[in-house]
Amino acid sequence: MFKEHVDQSMNELNETKPAAGFDHVLYPGELSLIKRKKYLKKEFLSFRIFMII
């Protein structure tokens, strides 16, 4: 029940129209998650290049 409530809240946030000058609405911790995913992707690609060389 709790997970469904959280999922519903996140969906509502994602569907919320952002304020003027913003691209979208972020939920708490989402910016950190986005940065972490970009960092890990960059590090993974660097590791793959290193392994190929």
PDB file of N, CA and C in Angstrom:
ATOM      1  N   MET A   1       0.817  -1.186   0.000  1.00  0.00           N
ATOM      2  CA  MET A   1       0.000   0.000   0.000  1.00  0.00           C
ATOM      3  C   MET A   1       0.866   1.258   0.000  1.00  0.00           C
ATOM      4  N   PHE A   2       1.914   1.264   0.818  1.00  0.00           N
ATOM      5  CA  PHE A   2       2.787   2.430   0.885  1.00  0.00           C
ATOM      6  C   PHE A   2       3.466   2.683  -0.465  1.00  0.00           C
ATOM      7  N   LYS A   3       3.995   1.614  -1.091  1.00  0.00           N
ATOM      8  CA  LYS A   3       4.678   1.751  -2.376  1.00  0.00           C
ATOM      9  C   LYS A   3       3.742   2.318  -3.435  1.00  0.00           C
ATOM     10  N   GLU A   4       2.507   1.869  -3.444  1.00  0.00           N
ATOM     11  CA  GLU A   4       1.534   2.373  -4.413  1.00  0.00           C
ATOM     12  C   GLU A   4       1.294   3.863  -4.208  1.00  0.00           C
ATOM     13  N   HIS A   5       1.234   4.272  -2.936  1.00  0.00           N
ATOM     14  CA  HIS A   5       1.025   5.690  -2.627  1.00  0.00           C
ATOM     15  C   HIS A   5       2.229   6.524  -3.101  1.00  0.00           C
ATOM     16  N   VAL A   6       3.425   6.026  -2.848  1.00  0.00           N
ATOM     17  CA  VAL A   6       4.637   6.736  -3.278  1.00  0.00           C
ATOM     18  C   VAL A   6       4.694   6.796  -4.802  1.00  0.00           C
ATOM     19  N   ASP A   7       4.409   5.679  -5.460  1.00  0.00           N
ATOM     20  CA  ASP A   7       4.392   5.661  -6.929  1.00  0.00           C
ATOM     21  C   ASP A   7       3.390   6.670  -7.480  1.00  0.00           C
ATOM     22  N   GLN A   8       2.215   6.735  -6.880  1.00  0.00           N
ATOM     23  CA  GLN A   8       1.189   7.679  -7.323  1.00  0.00           C
ATOM     24  C   GLN A   8       1.666   9.119  -7.127  1.00  0.00           C
ATOM     25  N   SER A   9       2.286   9.390  -5.988  1.00  0.00           N
ATOM     26  CA  SER A   9       2.797  10.737  -5.722  1.00  0.00           C
ATOM     27  C   SER A   9       3.882  11.124  -6.721  1.00  0.00           C
ATOM     28  N   MET A  10       4.772  10.204  -7.038  1.00  0.00           N
ATOM     29  CA  MET A  10       5.832  10.479  -8.003  1.00  0.00           C
ATOM     30  C   MET A  10       5.250  10.712  -9.392  1.00  0.00           C
ATOM     31  N   ASN A  11       4.256   9.941  -9.769  1.00  0.00           N
ATOM     32  CA  ASN A  11       3.599  10.133 -11.064  1.00  0.00           C
ATOM     33  C   ASN A  11       2.934  11.510 -11.139  1.00  0.00           C
ATOM     34  N   GLU A  12       2.299  11.904 -10.056  1.00  0.00           N
ATOM     35  CA  GLU A  12       1.664  13.228 -10.014  1.00  0.00           C
ATOM     36  C   GLU A  12       2.704  14.335 -10.151  1.00  0.00           C
ATOM     37  N   LEU A  13       3.842  14.177  -9.472  1.00  0.00           N
ATOM     38  CA  LEU A  13       4.905  15.168  -9.591  1.00  0.00           C
ATOM     39  C   LEU A  13       5.439  15.237 -11.023  1.00  0.00           C
ATOM     40  N   ASN A  14       5.619  14.075 -11.641  1.00  0.00           N
ATOM     41  CA  ASN A  14       6.133  14.035 -13.011  1.00  0.00           C
ATOM     42  C   ASN A  14       5.153  14.657 -13.999  1.00  0.00           C
ATOM     43  N   GLU A  15       3.872  14.619 -13.702  1.00  0.00           N
ATOM     44  CA  GLU A  15       2.856  15.186 -14.590  1.00  0.00           C
ATOM     45  C   GLU A  15       2.569  16.658 -14.291  1.00  0.00           C
ATOM     46  N   THR A  16       3.129  17.173 -13.189  1.00  0.00           N
ATOM     47  CA  THR A  16       2.893  18.556 -12.808  1.00  0.00           C
ATOM     48  C   THR A  16       3.578  19.498 -13.796  1.00  0.00           C
ATOM     49  N   LYS A  17       2.843  20.519 -14.213  1.00  0.00           N
ATOM     50  CA  LYS A  17       3.410  21.509 -15.121  1.00  0.00           C
ATOM     51  C   LYS A  17       4.430  22.334 -14.336  1.00  0.00           C
ATOM     52  N   PRO A  18       5.663  22.460 -14.868  1.00  0.00           N
ATOM     53  CA  PRO A  18       6.684  23.225 -14.141  1.00  0.00           C
ATOM     54  C   PRO A  18       6.400  24.728 -14.164  1.00  0.00           C
ATOM     55  N   ALA A  19       6.965  25.404 -13.217  1.00  0.00           N
ATOM     56  CA  ALA A  19       6.838  26.862 -13.157  1.00  0.00           C
ATOM     57  C   ALA A  19       7.574  27.485 -14.336  1.00  0.00           C
ATOM     58  N   ALA A  20       7.241  28.708 -14.634  1.00  0.00           N
ATOM     59  CA  ALA A  20       7.885  29.417 -15.747  1.00  0.00           C
ATOM     60  C   ALA A  20       9.397  29.429 -15.551  1.00  0.00           C
ATOM     61  N   GLY A  21      10.121  29.091 -16.614  1.00  0.00           N
ATOM     62  CA  GLY A  21      11.579  29.082 -16.565  1.00  0.00           C
ATOM     63  C   GLY A  21      12.194  27.750 -16.169  1.00  0.00           C
ATOM     64  N   PHE A  22      11.366  26.750 -15.919  1.00  0.00           N
ATOM     65  CA  PHE A  22      11.861  25.431 -15.531  1.00  0.00           C
ATOM     66  C   PHE A  22      11.400  24.389 -16.535  1.00  0.00           C
ATOM     67  N   ASP A  23      12.199  23.323 -16.682  1.00  0.00           N
ATOM     68  CA  ASP A  23      11.873  22.262 -17.639  1.00  0.00           C
ATOM     69  C   ASP A  23      10.915  21.226 -17.060  1.00  0.00           C
ATOM     70  N   HIS A  24      11.117  20.855 -15.800  1.00  0.00           N
ATOM     71  CA  HIS A  24      10.242  19.874 -15.167  1.00  0.00           C
ATOM     72  C   HIS A  24      10.340  19.970 -13.653  1.00  0.00           C
ATOM     73  N   VAL A  25       9.464  19.264 -12.979  1.00  0.00           N
ATOM     74  CA  VAL A  25       9.425  19.247 -11.516  1.00  0.00           C
ATOM     75  C   VAL A  25      10.231  18.045 -11.036  1.00  0.00           C
ATOM     76  N   LEU A  26      11.122  18.273 -10.091  1.00  0.00           N
ATOM     77  CA  LEU A  26      11.932  17.199  -9.520  1.00  0.00           C
ATOM     78  C   LEU A  26      11.412  16.824  -8.142  1.00  0.00           C
ATOM     79  N   TYR A  27      11.466  15.567  -7.806  1.00  0.00           N
ATOM     80  CA  TYR A  27      11.122  15.125  -6.462  1.00  0.00           C
ATOM     81  C   TYR A  27      12.399  15.065  -5.637  1.00  0.00           C
ATOM     82  N   PRO A  28      12.308  15.065  -4.312  1.00  0.00           N
ATOM     83  CA  PRO A  28      13.506  15.064  -3.472  1.00  0.00           C
ATOM     84  C   PRO A  28      14.434  13.903  -3.809  1.00  0.00           C
ATOM     85  N   GLY A  29      15.694  14.228  -4.047  1.00  0.00           N
ATOM     86  CA  GLY A  29      16.698  13.219  -4.360  1.00  0.00           C
ATOM     87  C   GLY A  29      16.856  12.922  -5.837  1.00  0.00           C
ATOM     88  N   GLU A  30      15.957  13.410  -6.668  1.00  0.00           N
ATOM     89  CA  GLU A  30      16.006  13.085  -8.100  1.00  0.00           C
ATOM     90  C   GLU A  30      17.232  13.701  -8.777  1.00  0.00           C
ATOM     91  N   LEU A  31      17.599  14.915  -8.424  1.00  0.00           N
ATOM     92  CA  LEU A  31      18.756  15.554  -9.040  1.00  0.00           C
ATOM     93  C   LEU A  31      20.027  14.761  -8.722  1.00  0.00           C
ATOM     94  N   SER A  32      20.155  14.314  -7.497  1.00  0.00           N
ATOM     95  CA  SER A  32      21.310  13.492  -7.117  1.00  0.00           C
ATOM     96  C   SER A  32      21.329  12.191  -7.900  1.00  0.00           C
ATOM     97  N   LEU A  33      20.172  11.592  -8.095  1.00  0.00           N
ATOM     98  CA  LEU A  33      20.071  10.351  -8.856  1.00  0.00           C
ATOM     99  C   LEU A  33      20.488  10.578 -10.311  1.00  0.00           C
ATOM    100  N   ILE A  34      20.044  11.666 -10.907  1.00  0.00           N
ATOM    101  CA  ILE A  34      20.402  11.986 -12.286  1.00  0.00           C
ATOM    102  C   ILE A  34      21.914  12.181 -12.409  1.00  0.00           C
ATOM    103  N   LYS A  35      22.496  12.932 -11.482  1.00  0.00           N
ATOM    104  CA  LYS A  35      23.942  13.168 -11.510  1.00  0.00           C
ATOM    105  C   LYS A  35      24.714  11.863 -11.333  1.00  0.00           C
ATOM    106  N   ARG A  36      24.244  11.007 -10.441  1.00  0.00           N
ATOM    107  CA  ARG A  36      24.925   9.730 -10.195  1.00  0.00           C
ATOM    108  C   ARG A  36      24.883   8.846 -11.438  1.00  0.00           C
ATOM    109  N   LYS A  37      23.724   8.786 -12.102  1.00  0.00           N
ATOM    110  CA  LYS A  37      23.606   7.974 -13.307  1.00  0.00           C
ATOM    111  C   LYS A  37      24.547   8.474 -14.399  1.00  0.00           C
ATOM    112  N   LYS A  38      24.632   9.806 -14.564  1.00  0.00           N
ATOM    113  CA  LYS A  38      25.544  10.375 -15.563  1.00  0.00           C
ATOM    114  C   LYS A  38      26.990  10.049 -15.216  1.00  0.00           C
ATOM    115  N   TYR A  39      27.344  10.171 -13.937  1.00  0.00           N
ATOM    116  CA  TYR A  39      28.700   9.876 -13.492  1.00  0.00           C
ATOM    117  C   TYR A  39      29.045   8.411 -13.741  1.00  0.00           C
ATOM    118  N   LEU A  40      28.150   7.508 -13.354  1.00  0.00           N
ATOM    119  CA  LEU A  40      28.418   6.085 -13.530  1.00  0.00           C
ATOM    120  C   LEU A  40      28.521   5.725 -15.004  1.00  0.00           C
ATOM    121  N   LYS A  41      27.692   6.332 -15.838  1.00  0.00           N
ATOM    122  CA  LYS A  41      27.757   6.067 -17.272  1.00  0.00           C
ATOM    123  C   LYS A  41      29.097   6.542 -17.822  1.00  0.00           C
ATOM    124  N   LYS A  42      29.531   7.715 -17.407  1.00  0.00           N
ATOM    125  CA  LYS A  42      30.815   8.256 -17.856  1.00  0.00           C
ATOM    126  C   LYS A  42      31.960   7.354 -17.399  1.00  0.00           C
ATOM    127  N   GLU A  43      31.939   6.946 -16.138  1.00  0.00           N
ATOM    128  CA  GLU A  43      32.993   6.079 -15.612  1.00  0.00           C
ATOM    129  C   GLU A  43      32.986   4.728 -16.305  1.00  0.00           C
ATOM    130  N   PHE A  44      31.807   4.187 -16.591  1.00  0.00           N
ATOM    131  CA  PHE A  44      31.712   2.894 -17.276  1.00  0.00           C
ATOM    132  C   PHE A  44      32.305   3.002 -18.671  1.00  0.00           C
ATOM    133  N   LEU A  45      31.981   4.077 -19.389  1.00  0.00           N
ATOM    134  CA  LEU A  45      32.521   4.267 -20.733  1.00  0.00           C
ATOM    135  C   LEU A  45      34.030   4.436 -20.686  1.00  0.00           C
ATOM    136  N   SER A  46      34.550   5.171 -19.701  1.00  0.00           N
ATOM    137  CA  SER A  46      35.996   5.340 -19.549  1.00  0.00           C
ATOM    138  C   SER A  46      36.655   3.998 -19.284  1.00  0.00           C
ATOM    139  N   PHE A  47      36.047   3.168 -18.449  1.00  0.00           N
ATOM    140  CA  PHE A  47      36.582   1.851 -18.130  1.00  0.00           C
ATOM    141  C   PHE A  47      36.609   0.969 -19.372  1.00  0.00           C
ATOM    142  N   ARG A  48      35.541   1.009 -20.183  1.00  0.00           N
ATOM    143  CA  ARG A  48      35.498   0.206 -21.388  1.00  0.00           C
ATOM    144  C   ARG A  48      36.577   0.640 -22.368  1.00  0.00           C
ATOM    145  N   ILE A  49      36.797   1.952 -22.507  1.00  0.00           N
ATOM    146  CA  ILE A  49      37.862   2.438 -23.398  1.00  0.00           C
ATOM    147  C   ILE A  49      39.210   1.975 -22.899  1.00  0.00           C
ATOM    148  N   PHE A  50      39.432   2.050 -21.582  1.00  0.00           N
ATOM    149  CA  PHE A  50      40.680   1.602 -20.986  1.00  0.00           C
ATOM    150  C   PHE A  50      40.914   0.120 -21.265  1.00  0.00           C
ATOM    151  N   MET A  51      39.867  -0.691 -21.150  1.00  0.00           N
ATOM    152  CA  MET A  51      40.000  -2.130 -21.365  1.00  0.00           C
ATOM    153  C   MET A  51      40.289  -2.462 -22.836  1.00  0.00           C
ATOM    154  N   ILE A  52      39.773  -1.645 -23.746  1.00  0.00           N
ATOM    155  CA  ILE A  52      39.996  -1.892 -25.175  1.00  0.00           C
ATOM    156  C   ILE A  52      41.437  -1.575 -25.555  1.00  0.00           C
ATOM    157  N   ILE A  53      42.000  -0.545 -24.946  1.00  0.00           N
ATOM    158  CA  ILE A  53      43.367  -0.132 -25.258  1.00  0.00           C
ATOM    159  C   ILE A  53      44.312  -1.112 -24.684  1.00  0.00           C
TER     160      ILE A  53
END
